C-alpha atoms as a PDB file:
ATOM      1  CA  MET A   1     -25.279 -14.269  17.364  1.00  0.00           C
ATOM      2  CA  THR A   2     -24.929 -16.492  19.648  1.00  0.00           C
ATOM      3  CA  PRO A   3     -21.549 -18.355  20.653  1.00  0.00           C
ATOM      4  CA  ILE A   4     -20.120 -21.162  18.452  1.00  0.00           C
ATOM      5  CA  ARG A   5     -21.547 -24.068  20.895  1.00  0.00           C
ATOM      6  CA  THR A   6     -22.898 -26.577  17.760  1.00  0.00           C
ATOM      7  CA  VAL A   7     -19.953 -27.934  15.011  1.00  0.00           C
ATOM      8  CA  ALA A   8     -21.381 -29.867  12.360  1.00  0.00           C
ATOM      9  CA  ILE A   9     -18.127 -32.304  10.734  1.00  0.00           C
ATOM     10  CA  LEU A  10     -18.503 -33.511   7.024  1.00  0.00           C
ATOM     11  CA  GLY A  11     -16.213 -36.881   7.188  1.00  0.00           C
ATOM     12  CA  ALA A  12     -15.551 -39.356   9.185  1.00  0.00           C
ATOM     13  CA  GLY A  13     -12.214 -40.294   8.229  1.00  0.00           C
ATOM     14  CA  HIS A  14      -9.012 -39.737  10.775  1.00  0.00           C
ATOM     15  CA  GLY A  15      -9.219 -36.066  10.247  1.00  0.00           C
ATOM     16  CA  GLY A  16     -12.936 -35.705  11.327  1.00  0.00           C
ATOM     17  CA  VAL A  17     -13.036 -38.044  13.948  1.00  0.00           C
ATOM     18  CA  ALA A  18     -10.240 -36.588  16.054  1.00  0.00           C
ATOM     19  CA  ALA A  19     -12.139 -33.450  15.382  1.00  0.00           C
ATOM     20  CA  ALA A  20     -14.874 -34.472  16.484  1.00  0.00           C
ATOM     21  CA  ALA A  21     -13.579 -36.071  19.962  1.00  0.00           C
ATOM     22  CA  ASP A  22     -11.329 -32.964  19.933  1.00  0.00           C
ATOM     23  CA  LEU A  23     -14.454 -30.558  19.732  1.00  0.00           C
ATOM     24  CA  THR A  24     -16.479 -32.762  21.862  1.00  0.00           C
ATOM     25  CA  ARG A  25     -13.996 -32.951  24.828  1.00  0.00           C
ATOM     26  CA  ARG A  26     -13.999 -29.329  25.170  1.00  0.00           C
ATOM     27  CA  GLY A  27     -17.730 -29.319  25.833  1.00  0.00           C
ATOM     28  CA  TYR A  28     -18.946 -28.053  21.512  1.00  0.00           C
ATOM     29  CA  ASP A  29     -22.124 -30.052  20.625  1.00  0.00           C
ATOM     30  CA  VAL A  30     -20.423 -32.323  17.754  1.00  0.00           C
ATOM     31  CA  SER A  31     -22.567 -33.846  14.732  1.00  0.00           C
ATOM     32  CA  LEU A  32     -20.128 -36.499  12.908  1.00  0.00           C
ATOM     33  CA  HIS A  33     -21.298 -36.855   9.159  1.00  0.00           C
ATOM     34  CA  ALA A  34     -20.471 -39.965   6.663  1.00  0.00           C
ATOM     35  CA  ARG A  35     -21.547 -40.654   3.270  1.00  0.00           C
ATOM     36  CA  ARG A  36     -21.311 -44.352   4.449  1.00  0.00           C
ATOM     37  CA  ALA A  37     -23.130 -45.714   7.292  1.00  0.00           C
ATOM     38  CA  ASP A  38     -20.440 -48.644   7.382  1.00  0.00           C
ATOM     39  CA  ARG A  39     -17.831 -45.647   8.540  1.00  0.00           C
ATOM     40  CA  LEU A  40     -20.047 -44.982  11.390  1.00  0.00           C
ATOM     41  CA  ALA A  41     -20.439 -48.448  12.418  1.00  0.00           C
ATOM     42  CA  PRO A  42     -17.526 -49.057  14.903  1.00  0.00           C
ATOM     43  CA  LEU A  43     -18.037 -45.905  16.769  1.00  0.00           C
ATOM     44  CA  GLN A  44     -21.953 -46.479  17.288  1.00  0.00           C
ATOM     45  CA  ALA A  45     -21.115 -49.833  18.520  1.00  0.00           C
ATOM     46  CA  HIS A  46     -18.673 -48.363  20.992  1.00  0.00           C
ATOM     47  CA  GLY A  47     -20.287 -45.362  21.493  1.00  0.00           C
ATOM     48  CA  GLY A  48     -18.027 -43.547  20.914  1.00  0.00           C
ATOM     49  CA  VAL A  49     -13.523 -43.052  20.309  1.00  0.00           C
ATOM     50  CA  ASP A  50     -10.629 -43.791  22.294  1.00  0.00           C
ATOM     51  CA  VAL A  51      -8.218 -41.268  21.853  1.00  0.00           C
ATOM     52  CA  ARG A  52      -4.529 -41.333  22.285  1.00  0.00           C
ATOM     53  CA  GLY A  53      -2.053 -38.552  22.433  1.00  0.00           C
ATOM     54  CA  VAL A  54      -2.052 -35.746  24.410  1.00  0.00           C
ATOM     55  CA  HIS A  55      -5.182 -36.503  25.689  1.00  0.00           C
ATOM     56  CA  GLU A  56      -6.165 -39.787  26.759  1.00  0.00           C
ATOM     57  CA  GLY A  57      -9.326 -41.785  26.994  1.00  0.00           C
ATOM     58  CA  PHE A  58     -12.881 -42.363  25.898  1.00  0.00           C
ATOM     59  CA  VAL A  59     -14.798 -39.992  24.254  1.00  0.00           C
ATOM     60  CA  PRO A  60     -18.397 -40.435  23.939  1.00  0.00           C
ATOM     61  CA  LEU A  61     -19.860 -39.013  20.493  1.00  0.00           C
ATOM     62  CA  ALA A  62     -23.353 -38.979  20.575  1.00  0.00           C
ATOM     63  CA  ARG A  63     -24.176 -37.300  17.212  1.00  0.00           C
ATOM     64  CA  LEU A  64     -23.222 -39.980  14.352  1.00  0.00           C
ATOM     65  CA  THR A  65     -25.315 -39.574  11.157  1.00  0.00           C
ATOM     66  CA  THR A  66     -25.534 -40.586   7.318  1.00  0.00           C
ATOM     67  CA  ASP A  67     -27.887 -37.648   6.793  1.00  0.00           C
ATOM     68  CA  ILE A  68     -26.537 -34.494   6.045  1.00  0.00           C
ATOM     69  CA  ALA A  69     -29.476 -32.240   6.701  1.00  0.00           C
ATOM     70  CA  GLU A  70     -29.590 -33.314   9.774  1.00  0.00           C
ATOM     71  CA  ALA A  71     -25.894 -33.147  10.418  1.00  0.00           C
ATOM     72  CA  VAL A  72     -25.308 -29.691   9.852  1.00  0.00           C
ATOM     73  CA  SER A  73     -29.227 -28.710  11.199  1.00  0.00           C
ATOM     74  CA  GLY A  74     -28.495 -25.635  13.442  1.00  0.00           C
ATOM     75  CA  ALA A  75     -25.043 -25.700  13.112  1.00  0.00           C
ATOM     76  CA  ASP A  76     -23.375 -21.974  14.451  1.00  0.00           C
ATOM     77  CA  LEU A  77     -19.699 -23.966  12.237  1.00  0.00           C
ATOM     78  CA  ILE A  78     -19.256 -26.488   9.754  1.00  0.00           C
ATOM     79  CA  LEU A  79     -16.122 -28.509   9.446  1.00  0.00           C
ATOM     80  CA  LEU A  80     -14.927 -30.223   6.233  1.00  0.00           C
ATOM     81  CA  PRO A  81     -11.496 -31.973   7.168  1.00  0.00           C
ATOM     82  CA  THR A  82     -10.587 -33.064   3.618  1.00  0.00           C
ATOM     83  CA  ASN A  83      -7.479 -34.761   1.275  1.00  0.00           C
ATOM     84  CA  TRP A  84      -8.393 -32.812  -1.819  1.00  0.00           C
ATOM     85  CA  PRO A  85      -5.371 -33.371  -4.572  1.00  0.00           C
ATOM     86  CA  SER A  86      -4.091 -31.206  -6.683  1.00  0.00           C
ATOM     87  CA  GLY A  87      -7.015 -29.775  -9.772  1.00  0.00           C
ATOM     88  CA  ALA A  88     -10.034 -30.174  -7.349  1.00  0.00           C
ATOM     89  CA  ARG A  89      -9.065 -26.110  -5.622  1.00  0.00           C
ATOM     90  CA  GLY A  90     -11.334 -24.648  -8.669  1.00  0.00           C
ATOM     91  CA  SER A  91     -14.566 -26.274  -6.838  1.00  0.00           C
ATOM     92  CA  VAL A  92     -13.412 -26.896  -3.024  1.00  0.00           C
ATOM     93  CA  LEU A  93     -13.021 -23.196  -2.484  1.00  0.00           C
ATOM     94  CA  PRO A  94     -16.860 -22.676  -3.969  1.00  0.00           C
ATOM     95  CA  LEU A  95     -18.048 -25.878  -2.384  1.00  0.00           C
ATOM     96  CA  THR A  96     -16.976 -24.851   1.506  1.00  0.00           C
ATOM     97  CA  GLN A  97     -18.116 -21.215   0.642  1.00  0.00           C
ATOM     98  CA  ALA A  98     -21.969 -22.484  -0.420  1.00  0.00           C
ATOM     99  CA  ARG A  99     -21.971 -24.927   2.789  1.00  0.00           C
ATOM    100  CA  ALA A 100     -21.260 -21.535   4.586  1.00  0.00           C
ATOM    101  CA  ILE A 101     -24.358 -19.462   2.535  1.00  0.00           C
ATOM    102  CA  GLU A 102     -26.963 -22.306   2.337  1.00  0.00           C
ATOM    103  CA  ASN A 103     -26.590 -22.892   5.975  1.00  0.00           C
ATOM    104  CA  GLN A 104     -25.278 -19.355   7.244  1.00  0.00           C
ATOM    105  CA  ALA A 105     -22.855 -20.944   9.168  1.00  0.00           C
ATOM    106  CA  PHE A 106     -18.939 -20.420   9.355  1.00  0.00           C
ATOM    107  CA  ALA A 107     -17.355 -23.091   7.449  1.00  0.00           C
ATOM    108  CA  ILE A 108     -13.849 -24.292   7.498  1.00  0.00           C
ATOM    109  CA  GLY A 109     -12.215 -26.631   4.652  1.00  0.00           C
ATOM    110  CA  VAL A 110      -9.036 -27.991   6.034  1.00  0.00           C
ATOM    111  CA  ASN A 111      -6.825 -29.446   3.648  1.00  0.00           C
ATOM    112  CA  ARG A 112      -3.316 -31.382   3.530  1.00  0.00           C
ATOM    113  CA  CYS A 113      -0.213 -30.599   1.514  1.00  0.00           C
ATOM    114  CA  GLY A 114       2.415 -32.302  -0.067  1.00  0.00           C
ATOM    115  CA  ALA A 115       2.251 -35.509  -1.933  1.00  0.00           C
ATOM    116  CA  ASP A 116       2.070 -39.468  -1.510  1.00  0.00           C
ATOM    117  CA  PRO A 117       2.695 -42.111  -4.175  1.00  0.00           C
ATOM    118  CA  GLY A 118       0.508 -41.169  -7.042  1.00  0.00           C
ATOM    119  CA  LEU A 119      -1.123 -38.282  -5.657  1.00  0.00           C
ATOM    120  CA  ARG A 120      -0.291 -34.146  -5.142  1.00  0.00           C
ATOM    121  CA  TYR A 121      -1.978 -31.777  -1.870  1.00  0.00           C
ATOM    122  CA  ASP A 122      -2.088 -28.295  -2.676  1.00  0.00           C
ATOM    123  CA  GLY A 123      -3.134 -27.456   0.810  1.00  0.00           C
ATOM    124  CA  ARG A 124      -5.594 -24.159  -0.033  1.00  0.00           C
ATOM    125  CA  SER A 125      -7.659 -25.096   3.546  1.00  0.00           C
ATOM    126  CA  CYS A 126      -9.808 -21.796   3.723  1.00  0.00           C
ATOM    127  CA  VAL A 127     -12.780 -20.522   6.018  1.00  0.00           C
ATOM    128  CA  PHE A 128     -16.156 -18.695   5.056  1.00  0.00           C
ATOM    129  CA  ASP A 129     -18.095 -16.737   7.211  1.00  0.00           C
ATOM    130  CA  PRO A 130     -21.774 -17.230   6.861  1.00  0.00           C
ATOM    131  CA  LEU A 131     -22.222 -14.977   4.306  1.00  0.00           C
ATOM    132  CA  GLY A 132     -19.508 -16.654   1.684  1.00  0.00           C
ATOM    133  CA  SER A 133     -17.518 -13.382   2.509  1.00  0.00           C
ATOM    134  CA  PRO A 134     -13.618 -15.130   2.852  1.00  0.00           C
ATOM    135  CA  LEU A 135     -12.055 -14.435   6.255  1.00  0.00           C
ATOM    136  CA  CYS A 136      -8.623 -16.769   5.470  1.00  0.00           C
ATOM    137  CA  GLU A 137      -7.023 -18.929   3.367  1.00  0.00           C
ATOM    138  CA  ALA A 138      -4.016 -21.027   2.818  1.00  0.00           C
ATOM    139  CA  THR A 139      -1.411 -21.667   0.107  1.00  0.00           C
ATOM    140  CA  ASP A 140       0.002 -24.627  -1.260  1.00  0.00           C
ATOM    141  CA  GLN A 141       2.803 -24.571   1.706  1.00  0.00           C
ATOM    142  CA  GLU A 142       2.541 -26.655   4.574  1.00  0.00           C
ATOM    143  CA  GLN A 143       1.834 -23.836   7.769  1.00  0.00           C
ATOM    144  CA  VAL A 144      -0.599 -23.239  10.867  1.00  0.00           C
ATOM    145  CA  LEU A 145      -3.353 -20.265  10.464  1.00  0.00           C
ATOM    146  CA  SER A 146      -4.311 -19.150  13.037  1.00  0.00           C
ATOM    147  CA  LEU A 147      -8.280 -17.599  13.256  1.00  0.00           C
ATOM    148  CA  ALA A 148     -10.769 -16.483  15.957  1.00  0.00           C
ATOM    149  CA  ILE A 149     -14.209 -16.276  14.768  1.00  0.00           C
ATOM    150  CA  ASP A 150     -16.213 -13.632  16.170  1.00  0.00           C
ATOM    151  CA  PRO A 151     -19.583 -14.443  15.391  1.00  0.00           C
ATOM    152  CA  GLU A 152     -21.083 -10.675  16.322  1.00  0.00           C
END
């Protein structure tokens, strides 16, 4: 297997756009997918995103699409930044695992934990290898996990 070079991000919310900008700056070939064209329109019109924080400046985002097949085509890694509320865990892990298996790519489901008015989030971020084997799963507590992915 070759090193991870191509990343598909399925979700163009704040987390997805931030991840796309960061990974693009690091030299990865990134596809950013959104279900709705209006979510991508401002990024397409601007040609990318202006980032502020640790890194400042403009980051061009070249591959923006509403076609999920186009987004995942050839991806070595699929990233699903989410806001899965508590109770969705029964489908979250199998769906992330399915993305890994059907695309023969590593898949990472990133979720939040805690609460906001009306909803609770139970974390449970997860990583699967291209065969669907679990590599890592977070608990329902706030935490930082680190995992070295070896494509070999």
